[in-house]
Amino acid sequence: MVYKARSSSRNTPKSSRPSHRKTTKPSIAPEDVKIVLFNKPFDVLCQFTDDQNRETLAQYVKEKGVYAAGRLDRDSEGLLLLTNCGKLQHKLTDPKKKTDKTYWVQVEGVPEQKDIDALCSGVELKDGLTRPAKVKIIPEPSIWPRNPPIRERANIPTTWLSVTINEGKNRQVRRMTAHIGHPTLRLIRSQIGKFTLDGLKNGQYKVLNNR
């Protein structure tokens, strides 16, 4: 009977052991950081490819090497920030950083002050209590027509709200307004931190850099 010798990691030279050190990408020089502000149209995915032939960022944003910092749902519109800087992406998307994001929200009906106060204080959703938000009723903003238009019910008015939050629960703003009995009909992000939608037409983007 022949016995095969068992191999032992104890006898493996250090030089031949696999390395498990984490490789880190080189940091980008401040002058090479690229920021793209894009006014996303309705029904466009926040990604550059899609296997179902739906509209993506590739049809609009021609800058290379940038990726979305956070998401904006397909049925939402407005400001999307893309960058080549992982540190900036993390800063804008990490809930611990508490970056404010402001939305213009068209809701069905006319919320009462108690409804606004509830949103400001925080409402209980299935995934937990929302952080305090800044919410107020505003005049209809000067914006582009949506294609297709929203479905409004006859004899039921709509109201525009400005909603500022600093967390990123899935479809949070829509669930917040539904919680107070006023479903969201249209949602447009107007600001991320210091970056705004000002001067950007729907479907248009501009590039910012430090050069």
Protein backbone atom coordinates (compact mmCIF):
# COMPACT_ATOMS: atom_id res chain seq x y z
CA MET A 1 0.00 0.00 0.00
CA VAL A 2 1.35 3.40 -0.97
CA TYR A 3 0.64 6.40 1.20
CA LYS A 4 0.65 9.87 -0.32
CA ALA A 5 2.21 12.58 1.76
CA ARG A 6 -0.21 15.34 2.78
CA SER A 7 0.79 18.80 1.78
CA SER A 8 0.98 21.28 4.60
CA SER A 9 0.76 25.05 4.44
CA ARG A 10 3.31 25.08 7.21
CA ASN A 11 5.95 23.94 4.76
CA THR A 12 4.95 26.40 2.03
CA PRO A 13 7.52 29.15 1.60
CA LYS A 14 6.15 32.59 2.36
CA SER A 15 7.04 33.76 -1.12
CA SER A 16 4.74 31.16 -2.74
CA ARG A 17 1.70 31.82 -0.58
CA PRO A 18 -1.11 33.74 -2.27
CA SER A 19 -1.28 37.37 -1.29
CA HIS A 20 -4.56 38.60 0.20
CA ARG A 21 -3.56 42.21 0.44
CA LYS A 22 -6.27 44.57 -0.70
CA THR A 23 -5.30 46.58 -3.73
CA THR A 24 -6.37 50.21 -3.73
CA LYS A 25 -6.97 52.35 -6.76
CA PRO A 26 -4.70 55.34 -7.04
CA SER A 27 -6.38 58.52 -5.89
CA ILE A 28 -7.30 61.08 -8.51
CA ALA A 29 -5.48 64.38 -8.45
CA PRO A 30 -7.84 67.26 -7.56
CA GLU A 31 -7.31 68.86 -10.97
CA ASP A 32 -8.40 65.61 -12.67
CA VAL A 33 -11.69 65.19 -10.77
CA LYS A 34 -14.56 65.39 -13.21
CA ILE A 35 -18.16 66.17 -12.23
CA VAL A 36 -21.06 65.85 -14.66
CA LEU A 37 -24.45 67.38 -13.85
CA PHE A 38 -27.25 65.83 -15.90
CA ASN A 39 -30.94 66.72 -16.03
CA LYS A 40 -32.37 63.22 -16.38
CA PRO A 41 -35.61 62.88 -18.35
CA PHE A 42 -38.48 60.66 -17.27
CA ASP A 43 -38.15 56.96 -18.20
CA VAL A 44 -34.34 56.97 -18.48
CA LEU A 45 -32.29 54.43 -16.49
CA CYS A 46 -29.37 55.64 -14.34
CA GLN A 47 -26.92 53.27 -16.03
CA PHE A 48 -25.05 53.14 -19.33
CA THR A 49 -26.18 49.71 -20.57
CA ASP A 50 -29.43 47.75 -20.56
CA ASP A 51 -30.25 44.34 -22.03
CA GLN A 52 -33.92 45.26 -22.52
CA ASN A 53 -33.25 48.09 -24.96
CA ARG A 54 -34.55 50.80 -22.62
CA GLU A 55 -33.18 54.35 -22.66
CA THR A 56 -30.01 54.76 -20.61
CA LEU A 57 -27.46 57.43 -19.81
CA ALA A 58 -25.51 56.38 -22.91
CA GLN A 59 -28.08 58.12 -25.11
CA TYR A 60 -27.37 61.44 -23.37
CA VAL A 61 -24.03 61.57 -21.53
CA LYS A 62 -20.98 61.27 -23.78
CA GLU A 63 -18.29 61.76 -21.11
CA LYS A 64 -16.17 58.67 -20.47
CA GLY A 65 -15.11 57.23 -17.12
CA VAL A 66 -17.86 58.79 -15.00
CA TYR A 67 -20.45 56.96 -12.93
CA ALA A 68 -23.62 58.02 -11.14
CA ALA A 69 -23.25 59.09 -7.53
CA GLY A 70 -26.47 57.63 -6.17
CA ARG A 71 -29.60 56.68 -7.99
CA LEU A 72 -32.62 58.41 -9.44
CA ASP A 73 -35.51 56.12 -10.25
CA ARG A 74 -36.52 55.55 -13.84
CA ASP A 75 -39.85 57.32 -13.27
CA SER A 76 -38.18 60.32 -11.58
CA GLU A 77 -36.56 63.32 -13.26
CA GLY A 78 -34.00 65.98 -12.60
CA LEU A 79 -30.49 66.28 -11.23
CA LEU A 80 -28.14 63.32 -11.48
CA LEU A 81 -24.47 63.76 -10.60
CA LEU A 82 -21.81 61.60 -12.24
CA THR A 83 -18.13 61.61 -11.39
CA ASN A 84 -14.84 59.77 -11.83
CA CYS A 85 -13.98 60.30 -8.15
CA GLY A 86 -14.83 57.45 -5.79
CA LYS A 87 -14.29 59.64 -2.74
CA LEU A 88 -16.87 62.16 -3.96
CA GLN A 89 -19.30 59.36 -4.82
CA HIS A 90 -18.98 58.01 -1.29
CA LYS A 91 -19.43 61.46 0.26
CA LEU A 92 -22.65 62.11 -1.66
CA THR A 93 -24.21 58.67 -1.14
CA ASP A 94 -23.15 57.67 2.38
CA PRO A 95 -26.14 58.31 4.73
CA LYS A 96 -23.68 59.09 7.53
CA LYS A 97 -22.46 62.13 5.60
CA LYS A 98 -26.04 63.53 5.60
CA THR A 99 -25.81 65.26 2.22
CA ASP A 100 -29.04 67.17 1.60
CA LYS A 101 -31.02 66.34 -1.53
CA THR A 102 -33.98 68.51 -2.53
CA TYR A 103 -36.93 67.39 -4.64
CA TRP A 104 -39.86 69.16 -6.25
CA VAL A 105 -42.80 66.86 -5.70
CA GLN A 106 -46.24 67.12 -7.29
CA VAL A 107 -48.77 65.29 -5.13
CA GLU A 108 -52.41 64.49 -5.48
CA GLY A 109 -54.72 66.64 -3.35
CA VAL A 110 -53.84 69.44 -0.94
CA PRO A 111 -51.90 68.39 2.18
CA GLU A 112 -52.90 70.02 5.45
CA GLN A 113 -50.38 71.58 7.78
CA LYS A 114 -50.51 68.52 10.04
CA ASP A 115 -49.41 66.42 7.07
CA ILE A 116 -46.48 68.74 6.37
CA ASP A 117 -45.53 68.69 10.06
CA ALA A 118 -45.58 64.88 10.05
CA LEU A 119 -43.15 64.73 7.13
CA CYS A 120 -40.91 67.29 8.83
CA SER A 121 -40.84 65.26 12.05
CA GLY A 122 -40.39 61.85 10.40
CA VAL A 123 -42.88 59.16 9.43
CA GLU A 124 -42.79 55.44 10.07
CA LEU A 125 -42.22 53.41 6.89
CA LYS A 126 -41.83 49.64 6.54
CA ASP A 127 -38.06 49.98 6.78
CA GLY A 128 -38.07 52.37 9.72
CA LEU A 129 -38.62 55.93 10.80
CA THR A 130 -37.48 58.61 8.37
CA ARG A 131 -35.15 61.32 9.55
CA PRO A 132 -36.60 64.81 10.02
CA ALA A 133 -37.07 66.48 6.63
CA LYS A 134 -37.55 70.01 5.36
CA VAL A 135 -40.94 70.16 3.65
CA LYS A 136 -43.01 73.10 2.45
CA ILE A 137 -45.69 73.89 -0.12
CA ILE A 138 -44.33 75.85 -3.10
CA PRO A 139 -45.74 77.41 -6.28
CA GLU A 140 -45.51 75.24 -9.37
CA PRO A 141 -41.86 75.48 -10.50
CA SER A 142 -40.95 76.67 -13.98
CA ILE A 143 -40.17 73.32 -15.56
CA TRP A 144 -40.36 71.35 -18.78
CA PRO A 145 -43.47 69.33 -19.73
CA ARG A 146 -43.22 65.66 -18.91
CA ASN A 147 -43.47 63.10 -21.70
CA PRO A 148 -45.84 61.36 -21.21
CA PRO A 149 -47.88 63.74 -19.04
CA ILE A 150 -48.92 62.68 -15.54
CA ARG A 151 -52.35 61.16 -15.08
CA GLU A 152 -54.49 63.64 -13.17
CA ARG A 153 -57.91 62.71 -11.85
CA ALA A 154 -60.76 65.06 -12.75
CA ASN A 155 -61.84 67.48 -10.01
CA ILE A 156 -58.91 66.58 -7.76
CA PRO A 157 -56.35 69.38 -7.38
CA THR A 158 -52.60 68.83 -7.13
CA THR A 159 -49.98 70.51 -4.95
CA TRP A 160 -46.24 71.07 -5.34
CA LEU A 161 -43.95 70.44 -2.39
CA SER A 162 -40.27 71.09 -1.80
CA VAL A 163 -38.86 68.11 0.11
CA THR A 164 -35.28 68.02 1.42
CA ILE A 165 -33.92 64.79 2.90
CA ASN A 166 -30.43 63.51 3.75
CA GLU A 167 -30.91 59.75 3.61
CA GLY A 168 -31.55 57.34 0.76
CA LYS A 169 -34.24 54.78 1.52
CA ASN A 170 -35.63 53.14 -1.63
CA ARG A 171 -38.29 55.38 -3.24
CA GLN A 172 -38.40 57.28 0.02
CA VAL A 173 -40.10 60.51 -1.04
CA ARG A 174 -42.87 58.65 -2.85
CA ARG A 175 -43.49 56.48 0.19
CA MET A 176 -43.45 59.50 2.50
CA THR A 177 -46.18 61.31 0.56
CA ALA A 178 -48.22 58.12 0.22
CA HIS A 179 -48.00 57.72 4.00
CA ILE A 180 -49.84 61.02 4.50
CA GLY A 181 -52.46 60.12 1.88
CA HIS A 182 -51.13 62.24 -0.99
CA PRO A 183 -49.55 60.04 -3.70
CA THR A 184 -46.66 61.47 -5.70
CA LEU A 185 -47.57 62.21 -9.32
CA ARG A 186 -44.27 63.71 -10.42
CA LEU A 187 -40.85 63.87 -8.75
CA ILE A 188 -37.95 66.08 -9.82
CA ARG A 189 -34.64 66.29 -7.97
CA SER A 190 -33.45 69.89 -8.00
CA GLN A 191 -30.36 69.85 -5.78
CA ILE A 192 -27.64 67.56 -4.36
CA GLY A 193 -25.58 69.31 -1.71
CA LYS A 194 -24.25 72.48 -3.35
CA PHE A 195 -25.01 71.27 -6.90
CA THR A 196 -28.24 72.45 -8.52
CA LEU A 197 -30.33 72.00 -11.63
CA ASP A 198 -30.08 75.69 -12.50
CA GLY A 199 -29.57 76.41 -16.18
CA LEU A 200 -29.86 72.78 -17.31
CA LYS A 201 -32.53 71.88 -19.83
CA ASN A 202 -34.13 68.44 -19.58
CA GLY A 203 -31.84 65.89 -21.24
CA GLN A 204 -28.85 68.24 -21.11
CA TYR A 205 -25.61 67.88 -19.13
CA LYS A 206 -22.61 70.01 -18.29
CA VAL A 207 -19.12 69.12 -17.09
CA LEU A 208 -17.45 70.72 -14.10
CA ASN A 209 -13.79 70.26 -13.20
CA ASN A 210 -11.08 71.90 -11.15
CA ARG A 211 -8.88 73.00 -14.03
